[in-house]
Structures are given as C-alpha cells and as structure tokens.
Amino acid sequence: MTATTVERYARHVDPAFVKLLGMLGYGRAFTRASGSWIEDESGRRYLDLLAGFGSVNIGHNHPRLVAHLRAFFDAEPLNLNHTGVSAFPAALAEQLAQTAPPLDAALFSNSGAEAVETAMKLARAATKRTGILYCEGAYHGLTLGTLSVSATRRMRAPFEPLLPGCAAIPFDDLDALDRALDRNVAAFLAEPVQVEGGVRFPGDGYLRAARELCTKRGALLILDEVQTGLGRTGAMYAFQHEGVTPDVLILAKSAGGSIAPVGVTLTTRRLQRKAFGSMRTFDLHGSTFAGNAFACAAASETLRILDDENLIARSRDLGAEWLAALRVRLDRHPLVAEIRGRGLLLAIELRAPDVAGQWLALAMLERGLIVQPASQAWNILRLEPPLTIAREELLHATETIGAVFDANRGVAPMLARTGLRAAAQLLNRGRFR
C-alpha cells in the first residue's frame, strides 16, 4: 500500500479517521494477514490480539476456508436467488439450529446491526407490543434503530430523536429489570458480556433470572452475541455458561470467517411464524444480499472448522492459561486494577485516566502487538485474539505486554510521554510514518 492509497482513502472515504490515526501515532497501512499475524506495507509483522473486534475467530485467511470458497466459485453457483429457494442458506440454518436448540429458524442479513434490527422487528411483530429494554453501557450498532438501543451519548446525540419506546436500565441489575418489565415491553435486549462497554461480565445467575422474568412477563429475551458467540468465551455461546436459552440470538462478525459479511437472527419457528409466517407478512424481513450463497457457504465452513479443530474447547483452555499468566506477570502493577476474562476474551482494567489505555495500546503496537481499549471505556484494554492462536504466541504476547507495563509504572511519566508524542504528531500534521 502506498502513500497514494492513504491519500485516496482520506480524500474519498474518511478523512477524519485518517487524521485521527496519524495524530494518535497509528500511521500504518496494513496489507496482508495470515493466522494470528498482520503485516504492514513495510513488511513488519504484528500479532493480532484484537481479531477485527472479535470477527476473526478462525484466524485470518484460514487456508481451509479459502480453499472452500475457491471451490465454491469454481462451481459457478447462483449467488443471489429471489424467485426461489437456495441450498446454501437452508444448509446454514440447519447447522445453526443444531448449535442452540430450540432456536431453529434463521433470519439472514448482512451485519450485526441489521441482525439486531431484525430482532427488534421480530419482537414487536410477535408480541404486539412496542417497548424495548436495553442496558446502560450497551453497544448494538450505528444504524438509527440500533443507536436507539445503544447507550453512548456521543453517538446518539446527532441523530435524535431516535426510535420511540426504547428504555435503558442498568446492566446486571435484576431489580431494575423487574421494575421495567411491564405489559408494554416486547423484549429485553442484552449482551451476555458488554465488550465495548468495558468487557463487563454479569454476576452468576443474572441471565438465568432475566430469562425467568421475561418468560413471566410475556417479553422476549434477545441476546446479542455478535462478539461473544462462536466460541469466544469458551462455549459456543456465552449464554450457555448459565444453561439458559434466549428467545432470539443475534450473530454476525466471526460467523463469516472474517471474509464474508453475514448477520443472523436465530429464533424459534413458532416466533418466526407469529412475526413473518403468513403470505401477507413473509416479505417483511429481507434484503437483496441477505442469505446470499457466498456468505452462507463461508459461514457453514466456518462452523465446521470450529468443530473439526475443537476451537471452542481450545478457547476455554488457552484463555484460562493466558488469564492466569497475565495475572502473574502484572501482579501488583500500580496501573492495573483488575485482569478478568472468560475464554479468549480478556480485559486489563487500568487504574489510570482513559487516555492511558490508548497510549499503552500504541506502545504495544510499536512492539508488534495489536491491542485496543474498549471503544466505550478507554481504561479497559481488551484482548480477543483468534481462537487459533498458538500457545507460544500467547507467551510472546504476555511477555511483550509485561514489558510495556514495566516501562510505564506511573501515571504522571506516562501522561508526559503521551503529551510529547501528541505534540510531535501535531507538528507532523498527523502524517503517517
């Protein structure tokens, strides 16, 4: 990738993003990826501990998935079929039904945000109610509908008024849920783990009690597992740690193997029929590329790879090892408040101002690790590598993270270095370097 590419991106795609990357010191253009590694235009390699915000569970360009998709195209399939049924979404829906019984009906879309909006439509149509409860700290997307159930004021404010009937309650607060679940509520929408909100895990029994309350009040329980699903937390789905099942399950990101965009709203055939089950309502959900053959073929093979390579158990076991190793390596560090995690979804909570998270992530980038703070909580460093990552790669990550923290033991010196770096980038006008 050349400077011309960066200039084109700035001119025609997102100039503010390019400027921000430069000002923060992230002036790199990445060009290649394989497994757990990413390469920039200069040929330098980085261990990916972000995995496309949880999109790359089976690793970058998994050779088996790539071969499968090459064979798919060699067969000259019909990718879009709007006047009949297709074998590819049918097969994928059957596979998904086997992962989360009794959820046995799939509504396809192209992204997590679309899948969330599909769930909201489904809930309203099936219950004949209008209210949607969501959690403070939630992040479900950036469309008008998903902003209505996301908590970040900065992202919501420019587009208000948003969808009426949506109300926020505290996360992990059963009393608040109990009070808010009245006869007007169609659904309670929640993330089993608030990843963007700071990798926040609810207390034991929260999802089970929420399931019971929703059933009692006639509201649907919708769980957004766009980031936590498909093995990330050491189970196929995070809700399975509590042995509960929602009425509606939302999937995207890693479902397409990091290659094909796909969103899935998984529910029961009973609820699907209530919402979209007549010849008058069957077409109230859908879009041109929803359930296209390519995306479904990629998702089907991704599910098979997860199973054949035992990646879910691997996530559970390696994640536990890595959590223990990081706790030992960073024990009593003055900037570390807590290290928590489940499976290969970990967080280092900082005892420092929010800017410290971005500075430490930059310091790790310069040592060859890709890490980011949670987008809505910059004092939380999130760690979510591909589930295929090797044990020796995690050992390397632990030592590199430890070295960065060793070099940054106090808030004041770190903030001073941050200021100097920001000033240098300002003088460079945010130039990529």
Protein backbone atom coordinates (compact mmCIF):
# COMPACT_ATOMS: atom_id res chain seq x y z
CA MET A 1 0.00 0.00 0.00
CA THR A 2 1.44 3.40 -1.00
CA ALA A 3 1.01 6.92 0.28
CA THR A 4 -1.28 7.41 -2.68
CA THR A 5 -3.64 4.83 -1.22
CA VAL A 6 -3.72 6.69 2.10
CA GLU A 7 -4.37 9.94 0.27
CA ARG A 8 -7.18 8.36 -1.73
CA TYR A 9 -8.73 6.99 1.45
CA ALA A 10 -8.53 10.39 3.08
CA ARG A 11 -9.99 12.10 0.03
CA HIS A 12 -12.80 9.71 -0.81
CA VAL A 13 -13.61 7.58 2.24
CA ASP A 14 -12.97 9.02 5.72
CA PRO A 15 -10.54 11.91 6.09
CA ALA A 16 -11.21 12.34 9.83
CA PHE A 17 -10.28 8.71 10.51
CA VAL A 18 -7.01 9.04 8.62
CA LYS A 19 -6.20 12.24 10.51
CA LEU A 20 -7.01 10.61 13.85
CA LEU A 21 -4.78 7.60 13.07
CA GLY A 22 -1.92 9.93 12.30
CA MET A 23 -2.43 12.14 15.34
CA LEU A 24 -2.54 9.14 17.67
CA GLY A 25 0.58 7.63 16.12
CA TYR A 26 -1.17 4.75 14.36
CA GLY A 27 0.19 5.76 10.97
CA ARG A 28 0.46 2.32 9.43
CA ALA A 29 -1.21 0.82 6.40
CA PHE A 30 -1.78 -2.92 6.84
CA THR A 31 -1.66 -5.05 3.71
CA ARG A 32 -1.59 -8.79 4.47
CA ALA A 33 -2.81 -11.22 7.13
CA SER A 34 -2.45 -14.90 7.91
CA GLY A 35 -3.44 -16.81 11.02
CA SER A 36 -2.78 -14.58 14.03
CA TRP A 37 -0.43 -12.21 12.20
CA ILE A 38 -0.90 -8.99 10.24
CA GLU A 39 1.71 -7.31 8.05
CA ASP A 40 2.08 -3.62 7.18
CA GLU A 41 3.30 -2.04 3.96
CA SER A 42 6.90 -2.05 5.19
CA GLY A 43 6.80 -5.82 5.84
CA ARG A 44 6.68 -5.57 9.64
CA ARG A 45 4.54 -8.22 11.32
CA TYR A 46 2.14 -7.75 14.25
CA LEU A 47 0.49 -10.33 16.48
CA ASP A 48 -3.24 -9.65 16.30
CA LEU A 49 -4.82 -9.58 19.76
CA LEU A 50 -7.90 -7.71 18.53
CA ALA A 51 -9.11 -10.07 15.78
CA GLY A 52 -11.19 -7.49 13.97
CA PHE A 53 -13.11 -6.71 17.17
CA GLY A 54 -13.94 -10.39 17.51
CA SER A 55 -14.52 -11.05 13.80
CA VAL A 56 -11.55 -13.36 13.21
CA ASN A 57 -12.24 -16.37 15.44
CA ILE A 58 -10.76 -18.88 12.99
CA GLY A 59 -7.77 -16.71 12.11
CA HIS A 60 -7.04 -14.55 9.11
CA ASN A 61 -7.46 -16.26 5.74
CA HIS A 62 -7.86 -19.72 7.19
CA PRO A 63 -6.46 -21.98 4.43
CA ARG A 64 -9.34 -24.41 4.63
CA LEU A 65 -11.93 -21.64 4.31
CA VAL A 66 -10.04 -20.04 1.44
CA ALA A 67 -9.88 -23.40 -0.40
CA HIS A 68 -13.58 -23.99 0.24
CA LEU A 69 -14.52 -20.61 -1.21
CA ARG A 70 -12.28 -21.11 -4.24
CA ALA A 71 -14.11 -24.36 -4.92
CA PHE A 72 -17.40 -22.56 -4.34
CA PHE A 73 -16.66 -20.03 -7.08
CA ASP A 74 -15.27 -22.69 -9.42
CA ALA A 75 -18.71 -24.34 -9.30
CA GLU A 76 -20.30 -21.15 -10.73
CA PRO A 77 -23.13 -21.04 -8.18
CA LEU A 78 -26.16 -18.78 -8.30
CA ASN A 79 -25.26 -16.30 -5.58
CA LEU A 80 -28.49 -14.28 -5.45
CA ASN A 81 -31.81 -16.04 -5.83
CA HIS A 82 -35.00 -14.08 -5.20
CA THR A 83 -37.54 -16.19 -7.08
CA GLY A 84 -36.89 -19.49 -5.35
CA VAL A 85 -35.03 -21.17 -2.51
CA SER A 86 -31.30 -21.82 -2.24
CA ALA A 87 -29.41 -24.76 -0.77
CA PHE A 88 -26.83 -22.55 0.95
CA PRO A 89 -28.99 -20.63 3.46
CA ALA A 90 -31.03 -23.78 4.04
CA ALA A 91 -27.92 -25.75 4.99
CA LEU A 92 -26.54 -22.96 7.17
CA ALA A 93 -29.84 -22.52 9.00
CA GLU A 94 -29.93 -26.25 9.75
CA GLN A 95 -26.35 -26.12 11.10
CA LEU A 96 -27.16 -23.16 13.31
CA ALA A 97 -30.29 -24.86 14.64
CA GLN A 98 -28.11 -27.71 15.89
CA THR A 99 -25.94 -25.33 17.91
CA ALA A 100 -28.68 -23.72 20.03
CA PRO A 101 -31.85 -25.77 20.35
CA PRO A 102 -34.74 -24.96 20.44
CA LEU A 103 -33.77 -21.98 18.23
CA ASP A 104 -34.47 -23.48 14.83
CA ALA A 105 -35.33 -20.63 12.45
CA ALA A 106 -32.78 -18.26 10.92
CA LEU A 107 -33.42 -14.78 9.55
CA PHE A 108 -30.41 -13.68 7.50
CA SER A 109 -28.94 -10.23 6.98
CA ASN A 110 -25.56 -8.67 6.20
CA SER A 111 -24.32 -7.30 9.52
CA GLY A 112 -24.74 -7.32 13.25
CA ALA A 113 -26.66 -4.06 13.22
CA GLU A 114 -29.12 -5.44 10.69
CA ALA A 115 -29.49 -8.60 12.75
CA VAL A 116 -30.29 -6.51 15.85
CA GLU A 117 -32.90 -4.51 13.97
CA THR A 118 -34.40 -7.76 12.68
CA ALA A 119 -34.69 -8.97 16.28
CA MET A 120 -36.43 -5.77 17.30
CA LYS A 121 -38.91 -6.06 14.43
CA LEU A 122 -39.49 -9.71 15.26
CA ALA A 123 -40.20 -8.90 18.91
CA ARG A 124 -42.71 -6.19 18.10
CA ALA A 125 -44.50 -8.24 15.46
CA ALA A 126 -44.61 -11.43 17.55
CA THR A 127 -45.72 -9.86 20.85
CA LYS A 128 -47.83 -6.98 19.51
CA ARG A 129 -46.01 -4.78 22.00
CA THR A 130 -43.69 -1.85 21.28
CA GLY A 131 -41.25 -1.38 24.18
CA ILE A 132 -37.62 -2.48 24.01
CA LEU A 133 -35.46 -2.54 27.13
CA TYR A 134 -31.69 -2.36 26.77
CA CYS A 135 -28.77 -1.88 29.14
CA GLU A 136 -26.75 1.14 30.10
CA GLY A 137 -23.29 0.66 28.61
CA ALA A 138 -24.70 -1.32 25.68
CA TYR A 139 -23.42 -1.17 22.13
CA HIS A 140 -25.51 -2.76 19.37
CA GLY A 141 -24.60 -0.78 16.23
CA LEU A 142 -24.73 2.57 14.49
CA THR A 143 -27.93 2.49 12.43
CA LEU A 144 -30.85 4.60 13.63
CA GLY A 145 -32.55 1.54 15.05
CA THR A 146 -29.50 0.18 16.86
CA LEU A 147 -28.49 3.60 18.15
CA SER A 148 -31.90 3.63 19.82
CA VAL A 149 -30.75 0.68 21.96
CA SER A 150 -27.12 1.72 22.42
CA ALA A 151 -26.04 3.83 25.34
CA THR A 152 -23.25 6.10 24.10
CA ARG A 153 -24.46 9.67 24.23
CA ARG A 154 -21.83 10.95 21.80
CA MET A 155 -23.01 8.56 19.10
CA ARG A 156 -26.73 9.03 19.74
CA ALA A 157 -26.99 12.79 20.10
CA PRO A 158 -26.50 13.91 16.47
CA PHE A 159 -29.37 11.70 15.27
CA GLU A 160 -32.04 12.16 17.92
CA PRO A 161 -34.96 11.77 18.18
CA LEU A 162 -34.43 8.05 17.76
CA LEU A 163 -36.84 5.11 17.80
CA PRO A 164 -39.53 5.64 20.45
CA GLY A 165 -40.30 3.03 23.07
CA CYS A 166 -36.67 2.15 23.88
CA ALA A 167 -35.54 2.49 27.51
CA ALA A 168 -32.23 1.85 29.25
CA ILE A 169 -31.81 0.04 32.55
CA PRO A 170 -28.59 -0.70 34.48
CA PHE A 171 -26.64 -3.74 33.35
CA ASP A 172 -26.58 -6.70 35.74
CA ASP A 173 -29.42 -5.24 37.83
CA LEU A 174 -32.32 -7.66 38.21
CA ASP A 175 -34.35 -5.30 40.38
CA ALA A 176 -34.26 -2.68 37.64
CA LEU A 177 -35.30 -5.27 35.06
CA ASP A 178 -38.13 -6.44 37.30
CA ARG A 179 -39.44 -2.88 37.69
CA ALA A 180 -39.18 -2.05 33.97
CA LEU A 181 -40.78 -5.21 32.54
CA ASP A 182 -44.36 -4.06 32.17
CA ARG A 183 -47.07 -5.14 29.75
CA ASN A 184 -45.82 -2.77 27.05
CA VAL A 185 -42.34 -4.34 26.79
CA ALA A 186 -41.84 -6.55 23.75
CA ALA A 187 -38.28 -7.58 24.59
CA PHE A 188 -35.25 -7.21 26.79
CA LEU A 189 -32.14 -6.87 24.60
CA ALA A 190 -28.78 -7.53 26.26
CA GLU A 191 -25.20 -8.58 25.63
CA PRO A 192 -24.11 -11.54 27.77
CA VAL A 193 -20.83 -9.64 28.13
CA GLN A 194 -20.61 -5.91 27.46
CA VAL A 195 -17.47 -5.96 25.34
CA GLU A 196 -17.45 -2.37 24.05
CA GLY A 197 -18.76 -1.21 27.41
CA GLY A 198 -15.61 -2.43 29.15
CA VAL A 199 -15.63 -6.26 28.94
CA ARG A 200 -18.15 -6.36 31.78
CA PHE A 201 -19.31 -9.80 32.89
CA PRO A 202 -22.62 -10.03 34.76
CA GLY A 203 -22.88 -11.80 38.07
CA ASP A 204 -23.60 -15.51 38.22
CA GLY A 205 -27.28 -16.21 37.68
CA TYR A 206 -28.10 -12.89 36.00
CA LEU A 207 -29.03 -14.35 32.62
CA ARG A 208 -31.00 -17.19 34.20
CA ALA A 209 -33.03 -14.78 36.33
CA ALA A 210 -33.54 -12.45 33.34
CA ARG A 211 -34.80 -15.45 31.37
CA GLU A 212 -37.32 -16.25 34.10
CA LEU A 213 -38.52 -12.65 34.41
CA CYS A 214 -39.04 -12.28 30.65
CA THR A 215 -40.99 -15.53 30.48
CA LYS A 216 -43.15 -14.48 33.41
CA ARG A 217 -43.97 -11.06 31.89
CA GLY A 218 -44.50 -12.24 28.31
CA ALA A 219 -41.47 -10.39 26.89
CA LEU A 220 -38.82 -11.91 24.65
CA LEU A 221 -35.23 -12.28 25.80
CA ILE A 222 -32.89 -11.20 22.99
CA LEU A 223 -29.16 -11.82 23.40
CA ASP A 224 -26.65 -10.06 21.18
CA GLU A 225 -23.71 -12.45 20.76
CA VAL A 226 -22.14 -10.69 17.80
CA GLN A 227 -18.82 -10.53 19.68
CA THR A 228 -19.23 -13.31 22.25
CA GLY A 229 -20.66 -16.05 20.05
CA LEU A 230 -18.99 -18.91 18.19
CA GLY A 231 -16.51 -19.95 20.82
CA ARG A 232 -15.14 -16.63 22.01
CA THR A 233 -15.86 -17.22 25.73
CA GLY A 234 -15.05 -20.94 25.76
CA ALA A 235 -18.58 -22.07 24.93
CA MET A 236 -20.37 -21.96 21.60
CA TYR A 237 -22.43 -19.09 23.01
CA ALA A 238 -21.84 -17.12 26.18
CA PHE A 239 -25.38 -17.78 27.46
CA GLN A 240 -24.59 -21.49 27.59
CA HIS A 241 -22.34 -20.93 30.60
CA GLU A 242 -25.58 -20.47 32.57
CA GLY A 243 -27.55 -23.18 30.83
CA VAL A 244 -30.22 -20.83 29.54
CA THR A 245 -31.53 -20.11 26.04
CA PRO A 246 -32.90 -16.80 24.76
CA ASP A 247 -35.93 -16.39 22.53
CA VAL A 248 -33.76 -14.64 19.96
CA LEU A 249 -30.00 -14.93 19.35
CA ILE A 250 -28.04 -12.41 17.28
CA LEU A 251 -24.85 -13.41 15.44
CA ALA A 252 -22.51 -11.72 12.94
CA LYS A 253 -18.80 -10.76 12.78
CA SER A 254 -16.93 -14.09 13.11
CA ALA A 255 -19.79 -16.04 11.53
CA GLY A 256 -18.39 -15.29 8.08
CA GLY A 257 -14.87 -16.41 8.90
CA SER A 258 -13.67 -12.77 8.65
CA ILE A 259 -14.17 -12.98 4.88
CA ALA A 260 -17.90 -12.75 4.17
CA PRO A 261 -20.30 -10.29 5.84
CA VAL A 262 -23.24 -12.14 7.36
CA GLY A 263 -25.75 -11.46 10.10
CA VAL A 264 -28.13 -13.99 11.63
CA THR A 265 -31.15 -13.56 13.86
CA LEU A 266 -31.86 -17.02 15.24
CA THR A 267 -35.23 -17.74 16.84
CA THR A 268 -37.88 -20.44 17.07
CA ARG A 269 -40.17 -21.41 14.24
CA ARG A 270 -43.10 -20.51 16.48
CA LEU A 271 -41.92 -16.90 16.84
CA GLN A 272 -40.89 -16.71 13.20
CA ARG A 273 -44.39 -17.75 12.19
CA LYS A 274 -46.01 -15.19 14.51
CA ALA A 275 -43.95 -12.36 13.04
CA PHE A 276 -43.42 -13.31 9.40
CA GLY A 277 -45.31 -16.56 8.87
CA SER A 278 -48.13 -15.64 6.51
CA MET A 279 -48.17 -14.93 2.79
CA ARG A 280 -49.06 -11.38 3.78
CA THR A 281 -46.04 -10.93 6.09
CA PHE A 282 -43.36 -13.29 4.76
CA ASP A 283 -41.53 -10.46 2.96
CA LEU A 284 -41.43 -8.02 5.89
CA HIS A 285 -37.86 -9.12 6.55
CA GLY A 286 -35.09 -9.39 3.97
CA SER A 287 -32.73 -7.53 1.67
CA THR A 288 -31.01 -8.15 -1.65
CA PHE A 289 -27.89 -9.83 -0.27
CA ALA A 290 -29.41 -11.36 2.86
CA GLY A 291 -28.72 -15.10 2.82
CA ASN A 292 -26.63 -14.92 -0.36
CA ALA A 293 -24.91 -18.16 -1.29
CA PHE A 294 -21.34 -16.88 -0.83
CA ALA A 295 -21.88 -15.61 2.72
CA CYS A 296 -23.76 -18.76 3.72
CA ALA A 297 -21.08 -21.02 2.25
CA ALA A 298 -18.43 -19.13 4.22
CA ALA A 299 -20.44 -19.32 7.44
CA SER A 300 -21.16 -23.05 7.00
CA GLU A 301 -17.49 -23.85 6.55
CA THR A 302 -16.59 -21.61 9.49
CA LEU A 303 -18.90 -23.64 11.73
CA ARG A 304 -17.32 -26.87 10.50
CA ILE A 305 -13.82 -25.52 11.18
CA LEU A 306 -14.80 -24.51 14.71
CA ASP A 307 -16.00 -28.06 15.32
CA ASP A 308 -13.29 -30.03 13.49
CA GLU A 309 -10.43 -28.07 15.07
CA ASN A 310 -12.01 -28.13 18.54
CA LEU A 311 -11.61 -24.37 18.76
CA ILE A 312 -14.28 -23.83 21.41
CA ALA A 313 -12.57 -26.05 23.98
CA ARG A 314 -9.27 -24.55 22.88
CA SER A 315 -10.62 -21.08 23.63
CA ARG A 316 -11.71 -22.21 27.08
CA ASP A 317 -8.42 -23.87 27.99
CA LEU A 318 -5.97 -21.42 26.43
CA GLY A 319 -7.99 -18.50 27.77
CA ALA A 320 -7.75 -19.82 31.32
CA GLU A 321 -4.00 -20.33 30.94
CA TRP A 322 -3.48 -16.86 29.49
CA LEU A 323 -5.59 -15.19 32.18
CA ALA A 324 -3.50 -16.86 34.87
CA ALA A 325 -0.23 -15.94 33.13
CA LEU A 326 -1.19 -12.27 32.76
CA ARG A 327 -2.23 -12.08 36.39
CA VAL A 328 1.15 -13.42 37.45
CA ARG A 329 3.10 -11.20 35.04
CA LEU A 330 1.29 -7.99 36.03
CA ASP A 331 0.84 -8.83 39.69
CA ARG A 332 0.82 -5.69 41.89
CA HIS A 333 1.49 -3.38 38.97
CA PRO A 334 0.44 0.11 40.11
CA LEU A 335 -1.58 0.80 36.96
CA VAL A 336 -3.50 -2.48 36.92
CA ALA A 337 -6.78 -2.55 38.81
CA GLU A 338 -8.03 -5.96 37.61
CA ILE A 339 -7.47 -8.61 34.97
CA ARG A 340 -10.58 -10.60 34.09
CA GLY A 341 -11.79 -12.83 31.31
CA ARG A 342 -13.51 -15.93 30.06
CA GLY A 343 -12.24 -17.99 27.17
CA LEU A 344 -10.20 -15.84 24.80
CA LEU A 345 -11.95 -12.64 25.81
CA LEU A 346 -9.82 -10.87 28.42
CA ALA A 347 -9.55 -7.38 29.83
CA ILE A 348 -6.91 -5.42 31.69
CA GLU A 349 -8.62 -2.68 33.69
CA LEU A 350 -6.37 0.29 34.32
CA ARG A 351 -6.08 2.41 37.43
CA ALA A 352 -5.37 5.44 35.26
CA PRO A 353 -7.08 8.11 33.10
CA ASP A 354 -8.78 6.95 29.92
CA VAL A 355 -6.01 8.32 27.70
CA ALA A 356 -3.63 5.82 29.30
CA GLY A 357 -5.39 2.95 27.57
CA GLN A 358 -4.78 4.41 24.14
CA TRP A 359 -1.17 5.22 24.99
CA LEU A 360 -0.46 1.69 26.20
CA ALA A 361 -2.14 0.25 23.09
CA LEU A 362 0.14 2.41 20.94
CA ALA A 363 3.20 1.31 22.90
CA MET A 364 2.20 -2.31 22.29
CA LEU A 365 1.67 -1.61 18.58
CA GLU A 366 5.22 -0.29 18.37
CA ARG A 367 6.39 -3.58 19.89
CA GLY A 368 4.39 -5.63 17.40
CA LEU A 369 1.06 -6.28 19.18
CA ILE A 370 -2.35 -5.09 18.02
CA VAL A 371 -4.46 -4.22 21.05
CA GLN A 372 -7.20 -1.66 21.63
CA PRO A 373 -9.16 -0.25 24.54
CA ALA A 374 -12.88 -1.00 24.70
CA SER A 375 -14.49 1.63 22.48
CA GLN A 376 -16.78 2.92 25.23
CA ALA A 377 -14.29 2.51 28.10
CA TRP A 378 -10.75 3.53 27.22
CA ASN A 379 -9.42 2.49 30.63
CA ILE A 380 -10.06 -1.15 29.65
CA LEU A 381 -7.55 -2.91 27.38
CA ARG A 382 -9.42 -5.68 25.59
CA LEU A 383 -7.68 -8.85 24.44
CA GLU A 384 -9.52 -11.08 21.94
CA PRO A 385 -7.11 -12.90 19.62
CA PRO A 386 -8.11 -15.52 17.04
CA LEU A 387 -9.13 -18.79 18.65
CA THR A 388 -6.45 -20.45 16.51
CA ILE A 389 -3.62 -18.55 18.22
CA ALA A 390 -0.75 -20.78 19.31
CA ARG A 391 0.31 -21.19 22.93
CA GLU A 392 3.79 -19.86 22.15
CA GLU A 393 2.22 -16.78 20.55
CA LEU A 394 0.30 -16.12 23.75
CA LEU A 395 3.53 -16.50 25.75
CA HIS A 396 5.13 -13.92 23.45
CA ALA A 397 2.11 -11.63 23.95
CA THR A 398 2.32 -11.97 27.74
CA GLU A 399 5.98 -11.01 27.83
CA THR A 400 5.50 -8.09 25.44
CA ILE A 401 2.53 -6.76 27.40
CA GLY A 402 4.58 -7.17 30.58
CA ALA A 403 7.49 -5.24 29.06
CA VAL A 404 5.19 -2.35 28.08
CA PHE A 405 3.75 -2.20 31.59
CA ASP A 406 7.25 -2.42 33.09
CA ALA A 407 8.17 0.70 31.12
CA ASN A 408 5.04 2.50 32.31
CA ARG A 409 4.69 2.21 36.07
CA GLY A 410 3.32 5.65 36.89
CA VAL A 411 0.56 7.86 35.55
CA ALA A 412 2.50 11.14 35.51
CA PRO A 413 5.50 9.96 33.43
CA MET A 414 3.20 8.10 31.06
CA LEU A 415 1.00 11.16 30.53
CA ALA A 416 4.11 13.26 29.93
CA ARG A 417 5.29 10.85 27.23
CA THR A 418 1.81 10.85 25.76
CA GLY A 419 1.88 14.64 25.56
CA LEU A 420 5.28 14.68 23.90
CA ARG A 421 4.16 12.09 21.37
CA ALA A 422 0.96 14.01 20.62
CA ALA A 423 2.95 17.23 20.16
CA ALA A 424 5.33 15.51 17.75
CA GLN A 425 2.44 14.12 15.74
CA LEU A 426 0.82 17.56 15.73
CA LEU A 427 3.98 19.06 14.27
CA ASN A 428 3.93 16.28 11.67
CA ARG A 429 0.28 17.19 10.95
CA GLY A 430 -0.68 13.63 11.72
CA ARG A 431 1.45 12.28 8.89
CA PHE A 432 1.60 8.50 8.53
CA ARG A 433 5.06 7.26 9.44
